[in-house]
Amino acid sequence: MEKLFDREIYNIVLIHVSRTWERTRVTRPHEEMPLDNIESTDAIEEIATTIINDDMLQEFLVDRDGDVWDKFGDGCSDSYIERVASEVIEKEYP
């Protein structure tokens, strides 16, 4: 099935991924992220694309029903997006 894309929702996801990336960066004392600031923009976009293509976001894009966020106990889109972003960052950019 073809994935839906919504620029406004993608931009929201992108902002939350960026915030999560920065929070991760500042909590790593005396460590650097594996990518420098310029390279990190590509990684942040890739993570946002992964998130907008995941099943939860796709279900939201189809149904536009905010109850979708309760499926995993996150309660809202912000928490869900930032949790998934954090998981991807920790796995892919340790």
C-alpha atoms as a PDB file:
ATOM      1  CA  MET A   1       0.000   0.000   0.000  1.00  0.00           C
ATOM      2  CA  GLU A   2       1.245   3.487  -0.853  1.00  0.00           C
ATOM      3  CA  LYS A   3       2.262   5.579   2.138  1.00  0.00           C
ATOM      4  CA  LEU A   4       0.436   8.851   2.733  1.00  0.00           C
ATOM      5  CA  PHE A   5       2.408  12.051   3.131  1.00  0.00           C
ATOM      6  CA  ASP A   6       1.287  15.300   4.709  1.00  0.00           C
ATOM      7  CA  ARG A   7       3.845  18.132   4.664  1.00  0.00           C
ATOM      8  CA  GLU A   8       2.403  19.855   7.746  1.00  0.00           C
ATOM      9  CA  ILE A   9       2.480  16.644   9.809  1.00  0.00           C
ATOM     10  CA  TYR A  10       5.967  15.836   8.492  1.00  0.00           C
ATOM     11  CA  ASN A  11       7.181  19.277   9.607  1.00  0.00           C
ATOM     12  CA  ILE A  12       5.767  18.630  13.082  1.00  0.00           C
ATOM     13  CA  VAL A  13       7.520  15.261  13.193  1.00  0.00           C
ATOM     14  CA  LEU A  14      10.739  16.903  12.001  1.00  0.00           C
ATOM     15  CA  ILE A  15      10.600  19.458  14.824  1.00  0.00           C
ATOM     16  CA  HIS A  16      10.072  16.769  17.448  1.00  0.00           C
ATOM     17  CA  VAL A  17      12.870  14.631  16.044  1.00  0.00           C
ATOM     18  CA  SER A  18      15.194  17.654  16.109  1.00  0.00           C
ATOM     19  CA  ARG A  19      14.284  18.389  19.716  1.00  0.00           C
ATOM     20  CA  THR A  20      14.870  14.757  20.662  1.00  0.00           C
ATOM     21  CA  TRP A  21      18.217  14.722  18.837  1.00  0.00           C
ATOM     22  CA  GLU A  22      19.341  17.817  20.732  1.00  0.00           C
ATOM     23  CA  ARG A  23      18.167  16.470  24.103  1.00  0.00           C
ATOM     24  CA  THR A  24      20.104  13.270  23.415  1.00  0.00           C
ATOM     25  CA  ARG A  25      23.184  15.247  22.424  1.00  0.00           C
ATOM     26  CA  VAL A  26      23.273  17.365  25.580  1.00  0.00           C
ATOM     27  CA  THR A  27      22.776  14.378  27.869  1.00  0.00           C
ATOM     28  CA  ARG A  28      25.919  12.674  26.613  1.00  0.00           C
ATOM     29  CA  PRO A  29      28.568  14.288  28.798  1.00  0.00           C
ATOM     30  CA  HIS A  30      31.985  14.487  27.197  1.00  0.00           C
ATOM     31  CA  GLU A  31      30.718  12.570  24.205  1.00  0.00           C
ATOM     32  CA  GLU A  32      29.870  13.661  20.716  1.00  0.00           C
ATOM     33  CA  MET A  33      27.023  12.478  18.590  1.00  0.00           C
ATOM     34  CA  PRO A  34      28.328  10.184  15.874  1.00  0.00           C
ATOM     35  CA  LEU A  35      27.538  12.852  13.265  1.00  0.00           C
ATOM     36  CA  ASP A  36      28.605  16.476  13.236  1.00  0.00           C
ATOM     37  CA  ASN A  37      26.032  19.272  13.065  1.00  0.00           C
ATOM     38  CA  ILE A  38      25.902  19.364   9.269  1.00  0.00           C
ATOM     39  CA  GLU A  39      25.617  15.586   8.874  1.00  0.00           C
ATOM     40  CA  SER A  40      23.021  15.390  11.615  1.00  0.00           C
ATOM     41  CA  THR A  41      20.469  17.218   9.465  1.00  0.00           C
ATOM     42  CA  ASP A  42      20.385  14.262   7.069  1.00  0.00           C
ATOM     43  CA  ALA A  43      19.974  11.831   9.969  1.00  0.00           C
ATOM     44  CA  ILE A  44      17.169  13.911  11.485  1.00  0.00           C
ATOM     45  CA  GLU A  45      15.328  13.947   8.148  1.00  0.00           C
ATOM     46  CA  GLU A  46      15.769  10.175   7.784  1.00  0.00           C
ATOM     47  CA  ILE A  47      14.390   9.580  11.274  1.00  0.00           C
ATOM     48  CA  ALA A  48      11.412  11.867  10.584  1.00  0.00           C
ATOM     49  CA  THR A  49      10.719  10.000   7.350  1.00  0.00           C
ATOM     50  CA  THR A  50      10.876   6.678   9.182  1.00  0.00           C
ATOM     51  CA  ILE A  51       8.395   7.951  11.748  1.00  0.00           C
ATOM     52  CA  ILE A  52       5.915   9.422   9.270  1.00  0.00           C
ATOM     53  CA  ASN A  53       5.952   6.112   7.412  1.00  0.00           C
ATOM     54  CA  ASP A  54       5.358   3.965  10.499  1.00  0.00           C
ATOM     55  CA  ASP A  55       2.011   2.291  11.066  1.00  0.00           C
ATOM     56  CA  MET A  56       0.793   4.654  13.800  1.00  0.00           C
ATOM     57  CA  LEU A  57       1.408   7.820  11.807  1.00  0.00           C
ATOM     58  CA  GLN A  58      -0.053   6.260   8.706  1.00  0.00           C
ATOM     59  CA  GLU A  59      -3.171   5.275  10.633  1.00  0.00           C
ATOM     60  CA  PHE A  60      -3.457   8.842  11.901  1.00  0.00           C
ATOM     61  CA  LEU A  61      -3.033  10.252   8.371  1.00  0.00           C
ATOM     62  CA  VAL A  62      -5.854   8.018   7.129  1.00  0.00           C
ATOM     63  CA  ASP A  63      -8.304   8.365  10.036  1.00  0.00           C
ATOM     64  CA  ARG A  64      -7.323  11.751  11.531  1.00  0.00           C
ATOM     65  CA  ASP A  65      -8.424  10.318  14.873  1.00  0.00           C
ATOM     66  CA  GLY A  66      -6.343  11.382  17.877  1.00  0.00           C
ATOM     67  CA  ASP A  67      -7.300   8.215  19.764  1.00  0.00           C
ATOM     68  CA  VAL A  68      -4.659   6.362  17.742  1.00  0.00           C
ATOM     69  CA  TRP A  69      -1.979   7.664  20.143  1.00  0.00           C
ATOM     70  CA  ASP A  70      -3.518   5.767  23.069  1.00  0.00           C
ATOM     71  CA  LYS A  71      -2.684   2.384  21.541  1.00  0.00           C
ATOM     72  CA  PHE A  72       0.765   2.367  23.111  1.00  0.00           C
ATOM     73  CA  GLY A  73      -0.076   4.488  26.129  1.00  0.00           C
ATOM     74  CA  ASP A  74       1.687   7.585  24.854  1.00  0.00           C
ATOM     75  CA  GLY A  75      -1.456   9.671  25.083  1.00  0.00           C
ATOM     76  CA  CYS A  76      -0.526  12.213  22.418  1.00  0.00           C
ATOM     77  CA  SER A  77       1.357  12.589  19.199  1.00  0.00           C
ATOM     78  CA  ASP A  78       4.245  14.553  20.739  1.00  0.00           C
ATOM     79  CA  SER A  79       5.080  11.826  23.235  1.00  0.00           C
ATOM     80  CA  TYR A  80       4.782   9.101  20.619  1.00  0.00           C
ATOM     81  CA  ILE A  81       6.976  10.893  18.088  1.00  0.00           C
ATOM     82  CA  GLU A  82       9.651  11.734  20.634  1.00  0.00           C
ATOM     83  CA  ARG A  83       9.648   8.211  22.098  1.00  0.00           C
ATOM     84  CA  VAL A  84      10.100   6.630  18.673  1.00  0.00           C
ATOM     85  CA  ALA A  85      12.739   9.211  17.713  1.00  0.00           C
ATOM     86  CA  SER A  86      14.643   8.466  20.917  1.00  0.00           C
ATOM     87  CA  GLU A  87      14.500   4.723  20.228  1.00  0.00           C
ATOM     88  CA  VAL A  88      15.824   5.186  16.686  1.00  0.00           C
ATOM     89  CA  ILE A  89      18.581   7.568  17.817  1.00  0.00           C
ATOM     90  CA  GLU A  90      19.762   5.216  20.561  1.00  0.00           C
ATOM     91  CA  LYS A  91      19.764   2.257  18.178  1.00  0.00           C
ATOM     92  CA  GLU A  92      21.200   3.869  15.054  1.00  0.00           C
ATOM     93  CA  TYR A  93      23.417   6.598  16.547  1.00  0.00           C
ATOM     94  CA  PRO A  94      24.837   5.263  19.822  1.00  0.00           C
END
